[in-house]
PDB file of N, CA and C in Angstrom:
ATOM      1  N   UNK A   1    -192.983 -39.061 158.301  1.00  0.00           N
ATOM      2  CA  UNK A   1    -193.389 -39.528 156.997  1.00  0.00           C
ATOM      3  C   UNK A   1    -194.449 -40.614 157.123  1.00  0.00           C
ATOM      4  N   UNK A   2    -194.332 -41.381 158.174  1.00  0.00           N
ATOM      5  CA  UNK A   2    -195.272 -42.477 158.409  1.00  0.00           C
ATOM      6  C   UNK A   2    -196.670 -41.921 158.659  1.00  0.00           C
ATOM      7  N   UNK A   3    -196.750 -40.821 159.398  1.00  0.00           N
ATOM      8  CA  UNK A   3    -198.056 -40.220 159.704  1.00  0.00           C
ATOM      9  C   UNK A   3    -198.732 -39.724 158.428  1.00  0.00           C
ATOM     10  N   UNK A   4    -197.943 -39.170 157.521  1.00  0.00           N
ATOM     11  CA  UNK A   4    -198.484 -38.652 156.274  1.00  0.00           C
ATOM     12  C   UNK A   4    -199.091 -39.787 155.448  1.00  0.00           C
ATOM     13  N   UNK A   5    -198.414 -40.893 155.386  1.00  0.00           N
ATOM     14  CA  UNK A   5    -198.905 -42.043 154.631  1.00  0.00           C
ATOM     15  C   UNK A   5    -200.170 -42.593 155.269  1.00  0.00           C
ATOM     16  N   UNK A   6    -200.210 -42.614 156.612  1.00  0.00           N
ATOM     17  CA  UNK A   6    -201.409 -43.082 157.300  1.00  0.00           C
ATOM     18  C   UNK A   6    -202.592 -42.147 157.038  1.00  0.00           C
ATOM     19  N   UNK A   7    -202.338 -40.867 157.051  1.00  0.00           N
ATOM     20  CA  UNK A   7    -203.402 -39.893 156.792  1.00  0.00           C
ATOM     21  C   UNK A   7    -203.931 -40.033 155.367  1.00  0.00           C
ATOM     22  N   UNK A   8    -203.030 -40.219 154.399  1.00  0.00           N
ATOM     23  CA  UNK A   8    -203.461 -40.391 153.021  1.00  0.00           C
ATOM     24  C   UNK A   8    -204.270 -41.677 152.849  1.00  0.00           C
ATOM     25  N   UNK A   9    -203.841 -42.756 153.508  1.00  0.00           N
ATOM     26  CA  UNK A   9    -204.566 -44.014 153.425  1.00  0.00           C
ATOM     27  C   UNK A   9    -205.952 -43.863 154.032  1.00  0.00           C
ATOM     28  N   UNK A  10    -206.044 -43.188 155.190  1.00  0.00           N
ATOM     29  CA  UNK A  10    -207.347 -42.990 155.835  1.00  0.00           C
ATOM     30  C   UNK A  10    -208.265 -42.109 154.972  1.00  0.00           C
ATOM     31  N   UNK A  11    -207.703 -41.079 154.359  1.00  0.00           N
ATOM     32  CA  UNK A  11    -208.493 -40.205 153.497  1.00  0.00           C
ATOM     33  C   UNK A  11    -208.995 -40.973 152.281  1.00  0.00           C
ATOM     34  N   UNK A  12    -208.124 -41.819 151.704  1.00  0.00           N
ATOM     35  CA  UNK A  12    -208.541 -42.624 150.554  1.00  0.00           C
ATOM     36  C   UNK A  12    -209.650 -43.583 150.941  1.00  0.00           C
ATOM     37  N   UNK A  13    -209.524 -44.208 152.113  1.00  0.00           N
ATOM     38  CA  UNK A  13    -210.573 -45.119 152.578  1.00  0.00           C
ATOM     39  C   UNK A  13    -211.882 -44.372 152.800  1.00  0.00           C
ATOM     40  N   UNK A  14    -211.765 -43.174 153.353  1.00  0.00           N
ATOM     41  CA  UNK A  14    -212.972 -42.404 153.650  1.00  0.00           C
ATOM     42  C   UNK A  14    -213.658 -41.968 152.362  1.00  0.00           C
ATOM     43  N   UNK A  15    -212.868 -41.486 151.376  1.00  0.00           N
ATOM     44  CA  UNK A  15    -213.441 -41.043 150.111  1.00  0.00           C
ATOM     45  C   UNK A  15    -213.838 -42.205 149.198  1.00  0.00           C
ATOM     46  N   UNK A  16    -213.344 -43.385 149.458  1.00  0.00           N
ATOM     47  CA  UNK A  16    -213.752 -44.523 148.646  1.00  0.00           C
ATOM     48  C   UNK A  16    -215.108 -45.082 149.104  1.00  0.00           C
ATOM     49  N   UNK A  17    -215.603 -44.592 150.227  1.00  0.00           N
ATOM     50  CA  UNK A  17    -216.942 -44.968 150.677  1.00  0.00           C
ATOM     51  C   UNK A  17    -217.944 -44.444 149.652  1.00  0.00           C
ATOM     52  N   UNK A  18    -218.841 -45.281 149.184  1.00  0.00           N
ATOM     53  CA  UNK A  18    -219.741 -44.894 148.103  1.00  0.00           C
ATOM     54  C   UNK A  18    -220.708 -43.779 148.509  1.00  0.00           C
ATOM     55  N   UNK A  19    -221.060 -43.687 149.774  1.00  0.00           N
ATOM     56  CA  UNK A  19    -221.969 -42.630 150.226  1.00  0.00           C
ATOM     57  C   UNK A  19    -221.267 -41.274 150.231  1.00  0.00           C
ATOM     58  N   UNK A  20    -220.036 -41.254 150.680  1.00  0.00           N
ATOM     59  CA  UNK A  20    -219.263 -40.010 150.686  1.00  0.00           C
ATOM     60  C   UNK A  20    -218.995 -39.575 149.251  1.00  0.00           C
ATOM     61  N   UNK A  21    -218.639 -40.531 148.402  1.00  0.00           N
ATOM     62  CA  UNK A  21    -218.372 -40.211 147.000  1.00  0.00           C
ATOM     63  C   UNK A  21    -219.628 -39.680 146.317  1.00  0.00           C
ATOM     64  N   UNK A  22    -220.779 -40.292 146.578  1.00  0.00           N
ATOM     65  CA  UNK A  22    -222.037 -39.831 145.991  1.00  0.00           C
ATOM     66  C   UNK A  22    -222.389 -38.436 146.497  1.00  0.00           C
ATOM     67  N   UNK A  23    -222.203 -38.205 147.788  1.00  0.00           N
ATOM     68  CA  UNK A  23    -222.492 -36.883 148.349  1.00  0.00           C
ATOM     69  C   UNK A  23    -221.567 -35.829 147.751  1.00  0.00           C
ATOM     70  N   UNK A  24    -220.284 -36.152 147.569  1.00  0.00           N
ATOM     71  CA  UNK A  24    -219.325 -35.197 146.997  1.00  0.00           C
ATOM     72  C   UNK A  24    -219.688 -34.871 145.552  1.00  0.00           C
ATOM     73  N   UNK A  25    -220.014 -35.890 144.759  1.00  0.00           N
ATOM     74  CA  UNK A  25    -220.407 -35.647 143.371  1.00  0.00           C
ATOM     75  C   UNK A  25    -221.701 -34.829 143.321  1.00  0.00           C
ATOM     76  N   UNK A  26    -222.653 -35.155 144.186  1.00  0.00           N
ATOM     77  CA  UNK A  26    -223.904 -34.395 144.233  1.00  0.00           C
ATOM     78  C   UNK A  26    -223.676 -32.944 144.611  1.00  0.00           C
ATOM     79  N   UNK A  27    -222.789 -32.711 145.561  1.00  0.00           N
ATOM     80  CA  UNK A  27    -222.488 -31.345 145.987  1.00  0.00           C
ATOM     81  C   UNK A  27    -221.838 -30.551 144.851  1.00  0.00           C
ATOM     82  N   UNK A  28    -220.901 -31.167 144.149  1.00  0.00           N
ATOM     83  CA  UNK A  28    -220.259 -30.491 143.012  1.00  0.00           C
ATOM     84  C   UNK A  28    -221.297 -30.217 141.930  1.00  0.00           C
ATOM     85  N   UNK A  29    -222.168 -31.186 141.681  1.00  0.00           N
ATOM     86  CA  UNK A  29    -223.206 -31.017 140.659  1.00  0.00           C
ATOM     87  C   UNK A  29    -224.124 -29.845 140.995  1.00  0.00           C
ATOM     88  N   UNK A  30    -224.615 -29.813 142.220  1.00  0.00           N
ATOM     89  CA  UNK A  30    -225.548 -28.759 142.632  1.00  0.00           C
ATOM     90  C   UNK A  30    -224.857 -27.401 142.677  1.00  0.00           C
ATOM     91  N   UNK A  31    -223.595 -27.377 143.035  1.00  0.00           N
ATOM     92  CA  UNK A  31    -222.891 -26.108 143.187  1.00  0.00           C
ATOM     93  C   UNK A  31    -222.478 -25.502 141.852  1.00  0.00           C
ATOM     94  N   UNK A  32    -221.999 -26.305 140.916  1.00  0.00           N
ATOM     95  CA  UNK A  32    -221.387 -25.730 139.721  1.00  0.00           C
ATOM     96  C   UNK A  32    -221.991 -26.183 138.390  1.00  0.00           C
ATOM     97  N   UNK A  33    -222.437 -27.408 138.265  1.00  0.00           N
ATOM     98  CA  UNK A  33    -222.758 -27.968 136.963  1.00  0.00           C
ATOM     99  C   UNK A  33    -224.219 -27.780 136.575  1.00  0.00           C
ATOM    100  N   UNK A  34    -225.100 -27.927 137.495  1.00  0.00           N
ATOM    101  CA  UNK A  34    -226.532 -27.896 137.223  1.00  0.00           C
ATOM    102  C   UNK A  34    -226.958 -26.577 136.575  1.00  0.00           C
ATOM    103  N   UNK A  35    -228.088 -26.628 135.846  1.00  0.00           N
ATOM    104  CA  UNK A  35    -228.603 -25.424 135.197  1.00  0.00           C
ATOM    105  C   UNK A  35    -229.008 -24.373 136.232  1.00  0.00           C
ATOM    106  N   UNK A  36    -229.554 -24.816 137.328  1.00  0.00           N
ATOM    107  CA  UNK A  36    -229.910 -23.916 138.425  1.00  0.00           C
ATOM    108  C   UNK A  36    -228.951 -24.210 139.579  1.00  0.00           C
ATOM    109  N   UNK A  37    -227.744 -23.668 139.467  1.00  0.00           N
ATOM    110  CA  UNK A  37    -226.734 -23.922 140.485  1.00  0.00           C
ATOM    111  C   UNK A  37    -226.754 -22.837 141.549  1.00  0.00           C
ATOM    112  N   UNK A  38    -225.886 -22.972 142.536  1.00  0.00           N
ATOM    113  CA  UNK A  38    -225.875 -22.016 143.653  1.00  0.00           C
ATOM    114  C   UNK A  38    -225.457 -20.617 143.204  1.00  0.00           C
ATOM    115  N   UNK A  39    -224.578 -20.522 142.232  1.00  0.00           N
ATOM    116  CA  UNK A  39    -224.158 -19.211 141.728  1.00  0.00           C
ATOM    117  C   UNK A  39    -225.348 -18.504 141.078  1.00  0.00           C
ATOM    118  N   UNK A  40    -226.114 -19.230 140.280  1.00  0.00           N
ATOM    119  CA  UNK A  40    -227.306 -18.670 139.642  1.00  0.00           C
ATOM    120  C   UNK A  40    -228.322 -18.239 140.696  1.00  0.00           C
ATOM    121  N   UNK A  41    -228.507 -19.061 141.717  1.00  0.00           N
ATOM    122  CA  UNK A  41    -229.463 -18.721 142.768  1.00  0.00           C
ATOM    123  C   UNK A  41    -229.042 -17.468 143.528  1.00  0.00           C
ATOM    124  N   UNK A  42    -227.740 -17.325 143.787  1.00  0.00           N
ATOM    125  CA  UNK A  42    -227.254 -16.133 144.494  1.00  0.00           C
ATOM    126  C   UNK A  42    -227.468 -14.878 143.649  1.00  0.00           C
ATOM    127  N   UNK A  43    -227.159 -14.965 142.352  1.00  0.00           N
ATOM    128  CA  UNK A  43    -227.368 -13.806 141.467  1.00  0.00           C
ATOM    129  C   UNK A  43    -228.846 -13.466 141.363  1.00  0.00           C
ATOM    130  N   UNK A  44    -229.684 -14.487 141.290  1.00  0.00           N
ATOM    131  CA  UNK A  44    -231.125 -14.249 141.210  1.00  0.00           C
ATOM    132  C   UNK A  44    -231.648 -13.588 142.472  1.00  0.00           C
ATOM    133  N   UNK A  45    -231.131 -13.988 143.626  1.00  0.00           N
ATOM    134  CA  UNK A  45    -231.563 -13.385 144.887  1.00  0.00           C
ATOM    135  C   UNK A  45    -231.161 -11.922 144.959  1.00  0.00           C
ATOM    136  N   UNK A  46    -229.953 -11.604 144.505  1.00  0.00           N
ATOM    137  CA  UNK A  46    -229.516 -10.201 144.476  1.00  0.00           C
ATOM    138  C   UNK A  46    -230.400  -9.366 143.550  1.00  0.00           C
ATOM    139  N   UNK A  47    -230.717  -9.904 142.385  1.00  0.00           N
ATOM    140  CA  UNK A  47    -231.586  -9.199 141.437  1.00  0.00           C
ATOM    141  C   UNK A  47    -232.984  -9.009 142.021  1.00  0.00           C
ATOM    142  N   UNK A  48    -233.485 -10.033 142.706  1.00  0.00           N
ATOM    143  CA  UNK A  48    -234.803  -9.937 143.340  1.00  0.00           C
ATOM    144  C   UNK A  48    -234.815  -8.846 144.406  1.00  0.00           C
ATOM    145  N   UNK A  49    -233.772  -8.775 145.222  1.00  0.00           N
ATOM    146  CA  UNK A  49    -233.688  -7.740 146.254  1.00  0.00           C
ATOM    147  C   UNK A  49    -233.650  -6.348 145.630  1.00  0.00           C
ATOM    148  N   UNK A  50    -232.900  -6.202 144.525  1.00  0.00           N
ATOM    149  CA  UNK A  50    -232.817  -4.907 143.858  1.00  0.00           C
ATOM    150  C   UNK A  50    -234.183  -4.495 143.303  1.00  0.00           C
ATOM    151  N   UNK A  51    -234.875  -5.447 142.710  1.00  0.00           N
ATOM    152  CA  UNK A  51    -236.187  -5.145 142.146  1.00  0.00           C
ATOM    153  C   UNK A  51    -237.218  -4.847 143.234  1.00  0.00           C
ATOM    154  N   UNK A  52    -237.138  -5.537 144.357  1.00  0.00           N
ATOM    155  CA  UNK A  52    -238.057  -5.244 145.463  1.00  0.00           C
ATOM    156  C   UNK A  52    -237.818  -3.844 146.012  1.00  0.00           C
ATOM    157  N   UNK A  53    -236.556  -3.422 146.063  1.00  0.00           N
ATOM    158  CA  UNK A  53    -236.254  -2.049 146.490  1.00  0.00           C
ATOM    159  C   UNK A  53    -236.821  -1.034 145.502  1.00  0.00           C
ATOM    160  N   UNK A  54    -236.748  -1.340 144.207  1.00  0.00           N
ATOM    161  CA  UNK A  54    -237.328  -0.455 143.206  1.00  0.00           C
ATOM    162  C   UNK A  54    -238.839  -0.364 143.359  1.00  0.00           C
ATOM    163  N   UNK A  55    -239.480  -1.492 143.617  1.00  0.00           N
ATOM    164  CA  UNK A  55    -240.932  -1.500 143.803  1.00  0.00           C
ATOM    165  C   UNK A  55    -241.312  -0.626 144.990  1.00  0.00           C
ATOM    166  N   UNK A  56    -240.576  -0.757 146.092  1.00  0.00           N
ATOM    167  CA  UNK A  56    -240.868   0.063 147.273  1.00  0.00           C
ATOM    168  C   UNK A  56    -240.682   1.542 146.954  1.00  0.00           C
ATOM    169  N   UNK A  57    -239.634   1.882 146.213  1.00  0.00           N
ATOM    170  CA  UNK A  57    -239.388   3.280 145.844  1.00  0.00           C
ATOM    171  C   UNK A  57    -240.533   3.823 144.993  1.00  0.00           C
ATOM    172  N   UNK A  58    -240.949   3.052 143.995  1.00  0.00           N
ATOM    173  CA  UNK A  58    -242.016   3.528 143.112  1.00  0.00           C
ATOM    174  C   UNK A  58    -243.364   3.579 143.831  1.00  0.00           C
ATOM    175  N   UNK A  59    -243.589   2.712 144.794  1.00  0.00           N
ATOM    176  CA  UNK A  59    -244.827   2.803 145.573  1.00  0.00           C
ATOM    177  C   UNK A  59    -244.862   4.091 146.377  1.00  0.00           C
ATOM    178  N   UNK A  60    -243.709   4.494 146.923  1.00  0.00           N
ATOM    179  CA  UNK A  60    -243.650   5.782 147.625  1.00  0.00           C
ATOM    180  C   UNK A  60    -243.888   6.947 146.662  1.00  0.00           C
ATOM    181  N   UNK A  61    -243.313   6.858 145.470  1.00  0.00           N
ATOM    182  CA  UNK A  61    -243.525   7.904 144.469  1.00  0.00           C
ATOM    183  C   UNK A  61    -245.000   7.988 144.073  1.00  0.00           C
ATOM    184  N   UNK A  62    -245.641   6.849 143.904  1.00  0.00           N
ATOM    185  CA  UNK A  62    -247.058   6.827 143.536  1.00  0.00           C
ATOM    186  C   UNK A  62    -247.896   7.452 144.638  1.00  0.00           C
ATOM    187  N   UNK A  63    -247.591   7.123 145.877  1.00  0.00           N
ATOM    188  CA  UNK A  63    -248.347   7.692 147.007  1.00  0.00           C
ATOM    189  C   UNK A  63    -248.171   9.206 147.069  1.00  0.00           C
ATOM    190  N   UNK A  64    -246.952   9.687 146.846  1.00  0.00           N
ATOM    191  CA  UNK A  64    -246.714  11.137 146.850  1.00  0.00           C
ATOM    192  C   UNK A  64    -247.470  11.810 145.709  1.00  0.00           C
ATOM    193  N   UNK A  65    -247.498  11.192 144.558  1.00  0.00           N
ATOM    194  CA  UNK A  65    -248.216  11.753 143.412  1.00  0.00           C
ATOM    195  C   UNK A  65    -249.718  11.772 143.666  1.00  0.00           C
ATOM    196  N   UNK A  66    -250.230  10.712 144.288  1.00  0.00           N
ATOM    197  CA  UNK A  66    -251.662  10.692 144.626  1.00  0.00           C
ATOM    198  C   UNK A  66    -252.006  11.803 145.611  1.00  0.00           C
ATOM    199  N   UNK A  67    -251.155  12.004 146.604  1.00  0.00           N
ATOM    200  CA  UNK A  67    -251.391  13.087 147.563  1.00  0.00           C
ATOM    201  C   UNK A  67    -251.365  14.443 146.863  1.00  0.00           C
ATOM    202  N   UNK A  68    -250.445  14.606 145.929  1.00  0.00           N
ATOM    203  CA  UNK A  68    -250.369  15.860 145.179  1.00  0.00           C
ATOM    204  C   UNK A  68    -251.620  16.050 144.326  1.00  0.00           C
ATOM    205  N   UNK A  69    -252.109  14.973 143.721  1.00  0.00           N
ATOM    206  CA  UNK A  69    -253.318  15.052 142.912  1.00  0.00           C
ATOM    207  C   UNK A  69    -254.515  15.459 143.757  1.00  0.00           C
ATOM    208  N   UNK A  70    -254.660  14.868 144.937  1.00  0.00           N
ATOM    209  CA  UNK A  70    -255.765  15.230 145.824  1.00  0.00           C
ATOM    210  C   UNK A  70    -255.655  16.694 146.218  1.00  0.00           C
ATOM    211  N   UNK A  71    -254.437  17.137 146.515  1.00  0.00           N
ATOM    212  CA  UNK A  71    -254.235  18.533 146.909  1.00  0.00           C
ATOM    213  C   UNK A  71    -254.564  19.480 145.757  1.00  0.00           C
ATOM    214  N   UNK A  72    -254.155  19.134 144.545  1.00  0.00           N
ATOM    215  CA  UNK A  72    -254.409  20.009 143.397  1.00  0.00           C
ATOM    216  C   UNK A  72    -255.884  20.043 143.012  1.00  0.00           C
ATOM    217  N   UNK A  73    -256.583  18.932 143.149  1.00  0.00           N
ATOM    218  CA  UNK A  73    -258.001  18.921 142.772  1.00  0.00           C
ATOM    219  C   UNK A  73    -258.878  19.571 143.826  1.00  0.00           C
ATOM    220  N   UNK A  74    -258.399  19.645 145.051  1.00  0.00           N
ATOM    221  CA  UNK A  74    -259.235  20.225 146.110  1.00  0.00           C
ATOM    222  C   UNK A  74    -258.935  21.703 146.354  1.00  0.00           C
ATOM    223  N   UNK A  75    -257.832  22.226 145.884  1.00  0.00           N
ATOM    224  CA  UNK A  75    -257.439  23.601 146.165  1.00  0.00           C
ATOM    225  C   UNK A  75    -257.098  24.315 144.850  1.00  0.00           C
ATOM    226  N   UNK A  76    -257.986  25.188 144.372  1.00  0.00           N
ATOM    227  CA  UNK A  76    -257.736  25.868 143.090  1.00  0.00           C
ATOM    228  C   UNK A  76    -256.505  26.775 143.102  1.00  0.00           C
ATOM    229  N   UNK A  77    -256.181  27.361 144.243  1.00  0.00           N
ATOM    230  CA  UNK A  77    -255.003  28.230 144.311  1.00  0.00           C
ATOM    231  C   UNK A  77    -253.725  27.420 144.091  1.00  0.00           C
ATOM    232  N   UNK A  78    -253.680  26.248 144.656  1.00  0.00           N
ATOM    233  CA  UNK A  78    -252.504  25.394 144.463  1.00  0.00           C
ATOM    234  C   UNK A  78    -252.432  24.879 143.026  1.00  0.00           C
ATOM    235  N   UNK A  79    -253.581  24.631 142.432  1.00  0.00           N
ATOM    236  CA  UNK A  79    -253.601  24.201 141.040  1.00  0.00           C
ATOM    237  C   UNK A  79    -253.045  25.296 140.136  1.00  0.00           C
ATOM    238  N   UNK A  80    -253.441  26.529 140.389  1.00  0.00           N
ATOM    239  CA  UNK A  80    -252.933  27.644 139.601  1.00  0.00           C
ATOM    240  C   UNK A  80    -251.431  27.802 139.795  1.00  0.00           C
ATOM    241  N   UNK A  81    -250.958  27.695 141.015  1.00  0.00           N
ATOM    242  CA  UNK A  81    -249.531  27.824 141.297  1.00  0.00           C
ATOM    243  C   UNK A  81    -248.751  26.704 140.595  1.00  0.00           C
ATOM    244  N   UNK A  82    -249.291  25.503 140.658  1.00  0.00           N
ATOM    245  CA  UNK A  82    -248.636  24.359 140.001  1.00  0.00           C
ATOM    246  C   UNK A  82    -248.547  24.575 138.501  1.00  0.00           C
ATOM    247  N   UNK A  83    -249.643  25.047 137.894  1.00  0.00           N
ATOM    248  CA  UNK A  83    -249.665  25.283 136.451  1.00  0.00           C
ATOM    249  C   UNK A  83    -248.680  26.382 136.064  1.00  0.00           C
ATOM    250  N   UNK A  84    -248.589  27.425 136.871  1.00  0.00           N
ATOM    251  CA  UNK A  84    -247.669  28.519 136.567  1.00  0.00           C
ATOM    252  C   UNK A  84    -246.213  28.066 136.681  1.00  0.00           C
ATOM    253  N   UNK A  85    -245.897  27.312 137.737  1.00  0.00           N
ATOM    254  CA  UNK A  85    -244.503  26.915 137.960  1.00  0.00           C
ATOM    255  C   UNK A  85    -244.059  25.803 137.011  1.00  0.00           C
ATOM    256  N   UNK A  86    -244.907  24.842 136.794  1.00  0.00           N
ATOM    257  CA  UNK A  86    -244.518  23.655 136.049  1.00  0.00           C
ATOM    258  C   UNK A  86    -244.650  23.849 134.541  1.00  0.00           C
ATOM    259  N   UNK A  87    -245.720  24.497 134.116  1.00  0.00           N
ATOM    260  CA  UNK A  87    -246.008  24.601 132.690  1.00  0.00           C
ATOM    261  C   UNK A  87    -245.980  26.035 132.161  1.00  0.00           C
ATOM    262  N   UNK A  88    -245.523  26.980 132.969  1.00  0.00           N
ATOM    263  CA  UNK A  88    -245.360  28.373 132.587  1.00  0.00           C
ATOM    264  C   UNK A  88    -246.643  28.959 132.013  1.00  0.00           C
ATOM    265  N   UNK A  89    -247.763  28.636 132.603  1.00  0.00           N
ATOM    266  CA  UNK A  89    -249.049  29.190 132.170  1.00  0.00           C
ATOM    267  C   UNK A  89    -249.225  30.582 132.766  1.00  0.00           C
ATOM    268  N   UNK A  90    -250.090  31.376 132.125  1.00  0.00           N
ATOM    269  CA  UNK A  90    -250.308  32.748 132.586  1.00  0.00           C
ATOM    270  C   UNK A  90    -251.769  33.106 132.406  1.00  0.00           C
ATOM    271  N   UNK A  91    -252.136  34.167 133.053  1.00  0.00           N
ATOM    272  CA  UNK A  91    -253.486  34.692 132.862  1.00  0.00           C
ATOM    273  C   UNK A  91    -253.535  35.496 131.564  1.00  0.00           C
ATOM    274  N   UNK A  92    -254.749  35.809 131.121  1.00  0.00           N
ATOM    275  CA  UNK A  92    -254.904  36.520 129.848  1.00  0.00           C
ATOM    276  C   UNK A  92    -254.317  37.932 129.895  1.00  0.00           C
ATOM    277  N   UNK A  93    -254.386  38.579 131.030  1.00  0.00           N
ATOM    278  CA  UNK A  93    -253.983  39.989 131.097  1.00  0.00           C
ATOM    279  C   UNK A  93    -252.555  40.174 131.601  1.00  0.00           C
ATOM    280  N   UNK A  94    -251.704  39.188 131.538  1.00  0.00           N
ATOM    281  CA  UNK A  94    -250.339  39.367 132.026  1.00  0.00           C
ATOM    282  C   UNK A  94    -249.337  38.765 131.041  1.00  0.00           C
ATOM    283  N   UNK A  95    -248.105  39.253 131.170  1.00  0.00           N
ATOM    284  CA  UNK A  95    -247.016  38.762 130.329  1.00  0.00           C
ATOM    285  C   UNK A  95    -246.107  37.892 131.188  1.00  0.00           C
ATOM    286  N   UNK A  96    -245.508  36.926 130.544  1.00  0.00           N
ATOM    287  CA  UNK A  96    -244.641  35.993 131.252  1.00  0.00           C
ATOM    288  C   UNK A  96    -243.246  36.070 130.650  1.00  0.00           C
ATOM    289  N   UNK A  97    -242.266  36.301 131.512  1.00  0.00           N
ATOM    290  CA  UNK A  97    -240.877  36.346 131.086  1.00  0.00           C
ATOM    291  C   UNK A  97    -240.144  35.208 131.772  1.00  0.00           C
ATOM    292  N   UNK A  98    -239.504  34.411 130.967  1.00  0.00           N
ATOM    293  CA  UNK A  98    -238.761  33.261 131.500  1.00  0.00           C
ATOM    294  C   UNK A  98    -237.283  33.546 131.352  1.00  0.00           C
ATOM    295  N   UNK A  99    -236.563  33.497 132.456  1.00  0.00           N
ATOM    296  CA  UNK A  99    -235.135  33.771 132.448  1.00  0.00           C
ATOM    297  C   UNK A  99    -234.410  32.428 132.611  1.00  0.00           C
ATOM    298  N   UNK A 100    -233.599  32.117 131.624  1.00  0.00           N
ATOM    299  CA  UNK A 100    -232.868  30.854 131.629  1.00  0.00           C
ATOM    300  C   UNK A 100    -231.398  31.155 131.833  1.00  0.00           C
ATOM    301  N   UNK A 101    -230.785  30.460 132.745  1.00  0.00           N
ATOM    302  CA  UNK A 101    -229.357  30.658 132.996  1.00  0.00           C
ATOM    303  C   UNK A 101    -228.561  30.143 131.811  1.00  0.00           C
ATOM    304  N   UNK A 102    -227.568  30.916 131.418  1.00  0.00           N
ATOM    305  CA  UNK A 102    -226.755  30.555 130.271  1.00  0.00           C
ATOM    306  C   UNK A 102    -225.649  29.622 130.734  1.00  0.00           C
ATOM    307  N   UNK A 103    -225.482  28.531 130.003  1.00  0.00           N
ATOM    308  CA  UNK A 103    -224.424  27.584 130.355  1.00  0.00           C
ATOM    309  C   UNK A 103    -223.096  28.144 129.818  1.00  0.00           C
ATOM    310  N   UNK A 104    -222.016  27.940 130.579  1.00  0.00           N
ATOM    311  CA  UNK A 104    -220.735  28.434 130.088  1.00  0.00           C
ATOM    312  C   UNK A 104    -220.315  27.654 128.848  1.00  0.00           C
ATOM    313  N   UNK A 105    -219.787  28.381 127.873  1.00  0.00           N
ATOM    314  CA  UNK A 105    -219.384  27.761 126.619  1.00  0.00           C
ATOM    315  C   UNK A 105    -218.110  26.954 126.840  1.00  0.00           C
ATOM    316  N   UNK A 106    -218.055  25.816 126.200  1.00  0.00           N
ATOM    317  CA  UNK A 106    -216.866  24.983 126.294  1.00  0.00           C
ATOM    318  C   UNK A 106    -215.730  25.633 125.524  1.00  0.00           C
ATOM    319  N   UNK A 107    -214.526  25.530 126.056  1.00  0.00           N
ATOM    320  CA  UNK A 107    -213.374  26.138 125.370  1.00  0.00           C
ATOM    321  C   UNK A 107    -213.051  25.340 124.124  1.00  0.00           C
ATOM    322  N   UNK A 108    -212.833  26.073 123.056  1.00  0.00           N
ATOM    323  CA  UNK A 108    -212.467  25.452 121.803  1.00  0.00           C
ATOM    324  C   UNK A 108    -210.958  25.227 121.808  1.00  0.00           C
ATOM    325  N   UNK A 109    -210.497  23.992 121.600  1.00  0.00           N
ATOM    326  CA  UNK A 109    -209.057  23.752 121.665  1.00  0.00           C
ATOM    327  C   UNK A 109    -208.278  24.427 120.521  1.00  0.00           C
ATOM    328  N   UNK A 110    -208.972  24.846 119.462  1.00  0.00           N
ATOM    329  CA  UNK A 110    -208.294  25.476 118.340  1.00  0.00           C
ATOM    330  C   UNK A 110    -208.044  26.961 118.558  1.00  0.00           C
ATOM    331  N   UNK A 111    -208.744  27.579 119.502  1.00  0.00           N
ATOM    332  CA  UNK A 111    -208.555  29.011 119.763  1.00  0.00           C
ATOM    333  C   UNK A 111    -207.489  29.192 120.813  1.00  0.00           C
ATOM    334  N   UNK A 112    -206.824  30.347 120.759  1.00  0.00           N
ATOM    335  CA  UNK A 112    -205.749  30.620 121.706  1.00  0.00           C
ATOM    336  C   UNK A 112    -206.152  31.590 122.736  1.00  0.00           C
TER     337      UNK A 112
END
């Protein structure tokens, strides 16, 4: 029991030091109370990382689209194929039939 009392007295003396007390209050202030606290900074860093990943993804998409544009403008056969597949275009002397897969109908709970 004597050791416990000595430890508490030493801790009180240590925390009653004005420098330790100021540092503790400053740490609590910076960590939790301030408008720009550590929690806010951590969330902001996560959001920044997510947005940087999005930027990298879209830069790759832009590069792929630019390559496709160069390919389509330099090769008329590929341009025709792209137009036929993407926009269902056809030549004047041909007919185009589009076959669409039928989605299964949802079961009506009222029917048996």
